[in-house]
């Protein structure tokens, strides 16, 4: 909450370990903030049956106690990005807002479904940007193994 100079009134911050610690799908996250807002969320949550299982809580404690894996994960995604981006650029794609994280957001200035079809013909699954609001972009995940990323780069460069 440092962005609010220590005043967390009417603020809630959500921290997920999905990308940071490769825990996507486990719903490993927590919230911090205004105690009044947190109390309201607790009232709703206890009736919604959304209990984080103890093994996931233990994994969260381990992940939050170690920063080295975060740096390793970041380097892994950066390496994969450096393999795919030149291949995408060679194939006419423009890369936007993809400096970090585990996705590449790109366009060939065509309807996203044309790009989806082009990738599908190469055996590559991508997500249409229309799912997120922009009809001309696609999203490519960097979550495949390194060998698969290299294979995709070769296929789209050919």
Protein backbone atom coordinates (compact mmCIF):
# COMPACT_ATOMS: atom_id res chain seq x y z
CA UNK A 1 0.00 0.00 0.00
CA UNK A 2 3.01 2.29 -0.35
CA UNK A 3 1.38 4.00 -3.35
CA UNK A 4 -1.15 5.49 -0.93
CA UNK A 5 1.47 6.77 1.54
CA UNK A 6 0.35 4.25 4.15
CA UNK A 7 -3.31 5.24 4.01
CA UNK A 8 -5.27 2.16 3.00
CA UNK A 9 -8.73 3.68 3.52
CA UNK A 10 -11.08 2.42 0.80
CA UNK A 11 -8.25 0.44 -0.81
CA UNK A 12 -7.74 -3.25 -1.41
CA UNK A 13 -4.66 -4.76 -3.01
CA UNK A 14 -4.77 -8.24 -4.53
CA UNK A 15 -1.59 -10.29 -4.81
CA UNK A 16 -1.63 -13.48 -6.86
CA UNK A 17 1.08 -16.10 -7.04
CA UNK A 18 -0.19 -17.41 -10.38
CA UNK A 19 2.46 -15.78 -12.53
CA UNK A 20 5.05 -14.85 -9.89
CA UNK A 21 5.42 -18.38 -8.60
CA UNK A 22 3.91 -20.46 -11.41
CA UNK A 23 0.83 -21.34 -9.32
CA UNK A 24 -1.83 -20.63 -11.95
CA UNK A 25 -4.97 -22.66 -11.37
CA UNK A 26 -4.41 -23.07 -7.64
CA UNK A 27 -6.08 -19.76 -6.79
CA UNK A 28 -3.12 -18.90 -4.59
CA UNK A 29 -3.64 -15.25 -3.73
CA UNK A 30 -4.37 -12.88 -0.90
CA UNK A 31 -5.77 -9.43 -0.30
CA UNK A 32 -4.68 -6.64 2.03
CA UNK A 33 -6.11 -3.24 2.71
CA UNK A 34 -8.75 -1.29 4.55
CA UNK A 35 -9.86 -3.42 7.53
CA UNK A 36 -13.49 -2.37 7.01
CA UNK A 37 -13.46 -3.57 3.41
CA UNK A 38 -11.62 -6.76 4.35
CA UNK A 39 -14.28 -7.45 7.01
CA UNK A 40 -17.01 -7.10 4.37
CA UNK A 41 -15.21 -9.50 2.05
CA UNK A 42 -14.77 -12.01 4.89
CA UNK A 43 -18.52 -11.95 5.53
CA UNK A 44 -19.24 -12.80 1.90
CA UNK A 45 -16.40 -15.25 1.46
CA UNK A 46 -17.27 -17.43 4.45
CA UNK A 47 -20.67 -18.13 2.89
CA UNK A 48 -19.38 -18.66 -0.64
CA UNK A 49 -17.43 -21.83 0.19
CA UNK A 50 -14.12 -20.61 -1.19
CA UNK A 51 -11.63 -22.07 1.27
CA UNK A 52 -8.03 -22.25 0.08
CA UNK A 53 -6.86 -25.83 0.77
CA UNK A 54 -4.08 -26.20 3.35
CA UNK A 55 -1.55 -27.65 0.84
CA UNK A 56 -2.05 -24.55 -1.33
CA UNK A 57 -1.63 -22.31 1.72
CA UNK A 58 1.60 -24.14 2.55
CA UNK A 59 2.79 -23.70 -1.05
CA UNK A 60 2.04 -19.99 -0.74
CA UNK A 61 4.12 -19.71 2.43
CA UNK A 62 7.02 -21.48 0.72
CA UNK A 63 6.72 -19.33 -2.41
CA UNK A 64 6.53 -16.08 -0.47
CA UNK A 65 9.58 -17.11 1.58
CA UNK A 66 11.77 -17.48 -1.52
CA UNK A 67 12.61 -14.81 -4.08
CA UNK A 68 15.15 -16.82 -6.08
CA UNK A 69 12.47 -18.77 -7.94
CA UNK A 70 10.82 -15.48 -8.94
CA UNK A 71 14.02 -14.34 -10.65
CA UNK A 72 14.43 -17.74 -12.32
CA UNK A 73 10.85 -17.66 -13.59
CA UNK A 74 11.26 -14.12 -14.90
CA UNK A 75 14.46 -15.09 -16.73
CA UNK A 76 12.72 -18.15 -18.19
CA UNK A 77 9.91 -16.02 -19.66
CA UNK A 78 12.38 -13.40 -20.91
CA UNK A 79 14.36 -16.10 -22.72
CA UNK A 80 11.21 -17.50 -24.33
CA UNK A 81 10.15 -13.98 -25.33
CA UNK A 82 13.55 -13.37 -26.95
CA UNK A 83 13.09 -16.54 -29.04
CA UNK A 84 9.53 -15.83 -30.20
CA UNK A 85 9.54 -12.08 -30.82
CA UNK A 86 12.06 -12.11 -33.70
CA UNK A 87 10.12 -14.93 -35.38
CA UNK A 88 6.85 -13.05 -34.97
CA UNK A 89 8.38 -9.84 -36.31
CA UNK A 90 9.76 -11.73 -39.31
CA UNK A 91 6.22 -12.98 -39.99
CA UNK A 92 4.82 -9.45 -40.03
CA UNK A 93 3.58 -9.10 -36.47
CA UNK A 94 3.94 -5.97 -34.38
CA UNK A 95 4.54 -6.60 -30.69
CA UNK A 96 2.87 -4.35 -28.09
CA UNK A 97 2.97 -4.22 -24.29
CA UNK A 98 4.99 -7.44 -24.00
CA UNK A 99 8.12 -6.38 -22.12
CA UNK A 100 7.45 -8.72 -19.21
CA UNK A 101 5.00 -11.33 -18.01
CA UNK A 102 4.04 -14.60 -19.59
CA UNK A 103 2.19 -13.44 -22.69
CA UNK A 104 3.05 -11.77 -25.97
CA UNK A 105 0.42 -9.38 -27.30
CA UNK A 106 0.78 -8.91 -31.06
CA UNK A 107 -0.99 -7.96 -34.27
CA UNK A 108 -0.65 -8.12 -38.04
CA UNK A 109 -3.30 -5.42 -38.35
CA UNK A 110 -5.89 -7.96 -39.41
CA UNK A 111 -8.91 -9.43 -37.69
CA UNK A 112 -7.66 -11.56 -34.79
CA UNK A 113 -9.48 -14.61 -36.15
CA UNK A 114 -7.36 -14.50 -39.32
CA UNK A 115 -4.26 -14.63 -37.13
CA UNK A 116 -5.79 -17.41 -35.02
CA UNK A 117 -6.44 -19.42 -38.20
CA UNK A 118 -2.91 -18.79 -39.48
CA UNK A 119 -1.41 -20.10 -36.23
CA UNK A 120 -3.84 -23.03 -36.10
CA UNK A 121 -2.66 -24.13 -39.55
CA UNK A 122 0.84 -24.29 -38.06
CA UNK A 123 -0.40 -26.30 -35.08
CA UNK A 124 -0.11 -23.40 -32.64
CA UNK A 125 -2.89 -22.38 -30.26
CA UNK A 126 -3.21 -18.65 -29.58
CA UNK A 127 -5.94 -16.60 -27.93
CA UNK A 128 -7.97 -14.11 -29.96
CA UNK A 129 -7.69 -10.54 -28.76
CA UNK A 130 -11.45 -10.16 -29.03
CA UNK A 131 -11.65 -12.13 -25.78
CA UNK A 132 -9.95 -9.15 -24.13
CA UNK A 133 -11.39 -6.31 -26.19
CA UNK A 134 -9.05 -5.71 -29.13
CA UNK A 135 -10.22 -7.36 -32.34
CA UNK A 136 -6.88 -7.03 -34.16
CA UNK A 137 -4.55 -8.60 -31.58
CA UNK A 138 -3.76 -12.10 -30.41
CA UNK A 139 -2.24 -13.29 -27.15
CA UNK A 140 0.50 -15.91 -27.16
CA UNK A 141 1.36 -17.68 -23.90
CA UNK A 142 4.99 -18.28 -22.99
CA UNK A 143 4.04 -21.15 -20.69
CA UNK A 144 5.06 -24.02 -22.98
CA UNK A 145 8.38 -25.79 -22.45
CA UNK A 146 11.48 -24.19 -23.99
CA UNK A 147 11.70 -26.88 -26.69
CA UNK A 148 8.11 -26.17 -27.73
CA UNK A 149 8.74 -22.42 -27.86
CA UNK A 150 11.74 -23.03 -30.15
CA UNK A 151 9.63 -25.29 -32.35
CA UNK A 152 6.91 -22.65 -32.65
CA UNK A 153 9.49 -20.00 -33.55
CA UNK A 154 10.83 -22.25 -36.31
CA UNK A 155 7.35 -22.95 -37.68
CA UNK A 156 6.27 -19.32 -37.82
CA UNK A 157 9.59 -18.24 -39.36
CA UNK A 158 9.44 -20.78 -42.20
